[in-house]
């Protein structure tokens, strides 16, 4: 899908590499190995991304290094698009689905590089100990803070216009991986 939107597979790979690793610098030969793309197509796309201001470059030791320009006006929006289209999100959702019936799954906090009291918000029929075991197995050394609700509790809280629940849906950075309750949530959070 992104290839059709952005017009080039190499450009999409570069955007993913840079926007998912905004603090890192890369030189062109390194990128050809990481992305498995031809040097000429990467060089052309890097020049285009630098011309529009998304990337900036510097030279050291006869190598040109590229890095994300944190002052690019659409950086936040582009990063959000790339994160939401990341294939690893689908894999994560498939693994989570094995825990039980999931109505809503939202990633926030550490998943979107933002400070938050919650990293994962889940509504459904999932056992707390199964979820904790899954998170401990998959995120060793990086504790994930989560909020788990049953469907009835969630529906009750949206009728109260609960601030915490509303923030889960209205923060445009949050990744809503699954929402089987769209018809119930849309009137309250739009």
Protein backbone atom coordinates (compact mmCIF):
# COMPACT_ATOMS: atom_id res chain seq x y z
CA UNK A 1 0.00 0.00 0.00
CA UNK A 2 2.72 2.50 0.95
CA UNK A 3 4.58 1.80 -2.29
CA UNK A 4 1.52 2.94 -4.22
CA UNK A 5 1.15 6.06 -2.08
CA UNK A 6 4.81 7.06 -2.09
CA UNK A 7 5.62 5.79 -5.59
CA UNK A 8 8.81 3.88 -4.85
CA UNK A 9 9.69 0.79 -2.86
CA UNK A 10 13.14 2.22 -2.12
CA UNK A 11 11.60 5.44 -0.78
CA UNK A 12 9.25 3.46 1.48
CA UNK A 13 12.16 1.41 2.86
CA UNK A 14 14.15 4.58 3.50
CA UNK A 15 11.22 6.25 5.24
CA UNK A 16 10.73 3.20 7.43
CA UNK A 17 14.42 2.98 8.26
CA UNK A 18 14.79 6.64 9.17
CA UNK A 19 11.42 7.32 10.79
CA UNK A 20 11.47 4.19 12.94
CA UNK A 21 15.07 5.03 13.99
CA UNK A 22 15.01 8.84 14.17
CA UNK A 23 18.10 9.20 16.35
CA UNK A 24 20.40 7.13 14.14
CA UNK A 25 22.65 8.14 11.26
CA UNK A 26 23.25 5.99 8.20
CA UNK A 27 25.62 6.16 5.26
CA UNK A 28 24.65 4.96 1.81
CA UNK A 29 26.60 1.66 1.67
CA UNK A 30 25.22 0.74 5.08
CA UNK A 31 21.69 1.42 3.81
CA UNK A 32 22.21 -0.76 0.72
CA UNK A 33 23.05 -3.69 3.00
CA UNK A 34 20.25 -3.04 5.49
CA UNK A 35 17.54 -2.42 2.90
CA UNK A 36 18.79 -4.73 0.14
CA UNK A 37 18.39 -2.03 -2.51
CA UNK A 38 20.58 -0.79 -5.35
CA UNK A 39 22.91 2.06 -4.49
CA UNK A 40 21.73 4.28 -7.36
CA UNK A 41 18.06 4.11 -6.40
CA UNK A 42 18.91 4.81 -2.75
CA UNK A 43 21.19 7.69 -3.67
CA UNK A 44 18.42 9.27 -5.80
CA UNK A 45 15.81 8.85 -3.04
CA UNK A 46 18.17 10.17 -0.35
CA UNK A 47 18.80 13.27 -2.45
CA UNK A 48 15.04 13.76 -2.92
CA UNK A 49 14.35 13.36 0.81
CA UNK A 50 17.16 15.78 1.61
CA UNK A 51 15.85 18.34 -0.93
CA UNK A 52 12.41 18.39 0.67
CA UNK A 53 14.01 18.75 4.12
CA UNK A 54 13.09 15.42 5.71
CA UNK A 55 16.73 14.35 5.95
CA UNK A 56 19.90 16.28 6.58
CA UNK A 57 23.40 15.10 5.85
CA UNK A 58 26.92 15.55 7.15
CA UNK A 59 30.29 14.30 5.97
CA UNK A 60 32.82 12.50 8.14
CA UNK A 61 35.74 10.29 7.15
CA UNK A 62 34.86 10.67 3.47
CA UNK A 63 31.36 9.28 4.07
CA UNK A 64 28.08 11.12 3.79
CA UNK A 65 25.79 10.38 6.74
CA UNK A 66 22.04 10.98 6.65
CA UNK A 67 19.78 11.64 9.60
CA UNK A 68 16.18 12.72 10.16
CA UNK A 69 15.66 16.47 10.35
CA UNK A 70 13.67 16.81 13.57
CA UNK A 71 12.42 20.23 12.41
CA UNK A 72 10.72 18.87 9.27
CA UNK A 73 7.14 20.23 9.37
CA UNK A 74 5.42 16.91 8.57
CA UNK A 75 7.72 14.64 10.55
CA UNK A 76 5.09 13.75 13.13
CA UNK A 77 2.47 12.86 10.50
CA UNK A 78 4.86 10.81 8.35
CA UNK A 79 6.13 8.92 11.38
CA UNK A 80 2.57 8.13 12.37
CA UNK A 81 1.79 6.75 8.88
CA UNK A 82 4.92 4.59 8.88
CA UNK A 83 4.25 3.22 12.36
CA UNK A 84 0.65 2.40 11.55
CA UNK A 85 1.64 0.50 8.41
CA UNK A 86 4.45 -1.47 10.08
CA UNK A 87 4.05 -5.23 9.36
CA UNK A 88 5.32 -6.09 12.83
CA UNK A 89 2.04 -4.67 14.21
CA UNK A 90 0.08 -7.35 12.36
CA UNK A 91 2.40 -10.05 13.69
CA UNK A 92 1.97 -8.71 17.21
CA UNK A 93 -1.82 -8.72 16.79
CA UNK A 94 -1.76 -12.34 15.60
CA UNK A 95 0.26 -13.38 18.64
CA UNK A 96 -2.04 -11.47 20.98
CA UNK A 97 -5.12 -13.09 19.42
CA UNK A 98 -3.96 -16.45 20.78
CA UNK A 99 -4.60 -15.16 24.31
CA UNK A 100 -8.36 -14.93 23.87
CA UNK A 101 -11.11 -12.87 22.31
CA UNK A 102 -9.82 -9.33 21.75
CA UNK A 103 -12.31 -6.56 20.98
CA UNK A 104 -9.91 -3.61 21.15
CA UNK A 105 -6.12 -3.44 21.12
CA UNK A 106 -4.35 -0.08 21.25
CA UNK A 107 -0.60 0.45 21.46
CA UNK A 108 0.67 3.60 23.10
CA UNK A 109 3.57 4.60 25.39
CA UNK A 110 6.77 2.69 24.58
CA UNK A 111 5.26 1.42 21.33
CA UNK A 112 5.06 4.95 19.95
CA UNK A 113 8.07 6.43 21.78
CA UNK A 114 5.94 8.53 24.08
CA UNK A 115 5.73 8.77 27.86
CA UNK A 116 2.50 7.28 29.10
CA UNK A 117 1.02 5.53 32.11
CA UNK A 118 -0.12 2.76 29.76
CA UNK A 119 1.73 1.06 26.91
CA UNK A 120 -1.00 -1.35 25.89
CA UNK A 121 -4.77 -1.02 26.18
CA UNK A 122 -6.81 -4.19 25.72
CA UNK A 123 -10.54 -4.83 25.86
CA UNK A 124 -11.76 -8.40 25.65
CA UNK A 125 -11.94 -11.80 27.22
CA UNK A 126 -8.28 -12.34 28.13
CA UNK A 127 -6.93 -13.70 31.40
CA UNK A 128 -4.68 -11.27 33.26
CA UNK A 129 -2.04 -13.93 34.05
CA UNK A 130 -1.93 -15.06 30.39
CA UNK A 131 -1.41 -11.47 29.26
CA UNK A 132 1.31 -10.88 31.86
CA UNK A 133 3.08 -14.10 30.84
CA UNK A 134 2.90 -13.10 27.16
CA UNK A 135 4.28 -9.62 27.83
CA UNK A 136 7.07 -10.92 30.08
CA UNK A 137 8.10 -13.47 27.44
CA UNK A 138 8.05 -11.04 24.54
CA UNK A 139 9.42 -7.93 26.24
CA UNK A 140 12.10 -9.19 28.59
CA UNK A 141 13.89 -6.39 30.38
CA UNK A 142 11.34 -3.84 29.16
CA UNK A 143 8.24 -4.04 31.37
CA UNK A 144 5.04 -3.18 29.53
CA UNK A 145 2.36 -1.29 31.46
CA UNK A 146 -1.09 -2.39 30.39
CA UNK A 147 -4.77 -1.77 31.00
CA UNK A 148 -7.12 -4.72 30.60
CA UNK A 149 -10.91 -4.41 30.60
CA UNK A 150 -13.83 -6.68 29.95
CA UNK A 151 -16.19 -5.56 27.20
CA UNK A 152 -19.02 -4.67 29.62
CA UNK A 153 -16.72 -2.54 31.78
CA UNK A 154 -15.42 -0.74 28.70
CA UNK A 155 -18.93 -0.03 27.35
CA UNK A 156 -19.96 1.31 30.75
CA UNK A 157 -16.92 3.60 30.88
CA UNK A 158 -17.58 5.07 27.44
CA UNK A 159 -21.13 5.94 28.47
CA UNK A 160 -19.54 7.92 31.32
CA UNK A 161 -17.15 9.54 28.81
CA UNK A 162 -14.26 8.28 30.90
CA UNK A 163 -11.22 10.52 30.33
CA UNK A 164 -8.68 7.67 30.25
CA UNK A 165 -10.66 5.68 27.68
CA UNK A 166 -11.34 8.78 25.60
CA UNK A 167 -7.62 9.61 25.51
CA UNK A 168 -6.85 6.13 24.18
CA UNK A 169 -8.99 6.87 21.12
CA UNK A 170 -8.40 10.57 20.60
CA UNK A 171 -4.58 10.55 20.74
CA UNK A 172 -3.72 10.37 17.04
CA UNK A 173 -0.32 8.85 17.82
CA UNK A 174 -1.83 5.75 19.42
CA UNK A 175 -1.92 2.69 17.21
CA UNK A 176 -5.37 1.14 17.15
CA UNK A 177 -4.55 -2.37 15.95
CA UNK A 178 -8.03 -3.75 16.45
CA UNK A 179 -11.44 -2.27 17.20
CA UNK A 180 -14.39 -4.65 16.91
CA UNK A 181 -16.51 -2.16 18.85
CA UNK A 182 -16.30 0.69 16.32
CA UNK A 183 -20.06 1.21 16.19
CA UNK A 184 -20.09 1.55 19.99
CA UNK A 185 -17.07 3.85 20.24
CA UNK A 186 -17.38 6.17 17.25
CA UNK A 187 -20.19 8.38 18.63
CA UNK A 188 -18.28 8.97 21.87
CA UNK A 189 -14.81 9.69 20.49
CA UNK A 190 -15.30 11.47 17.21
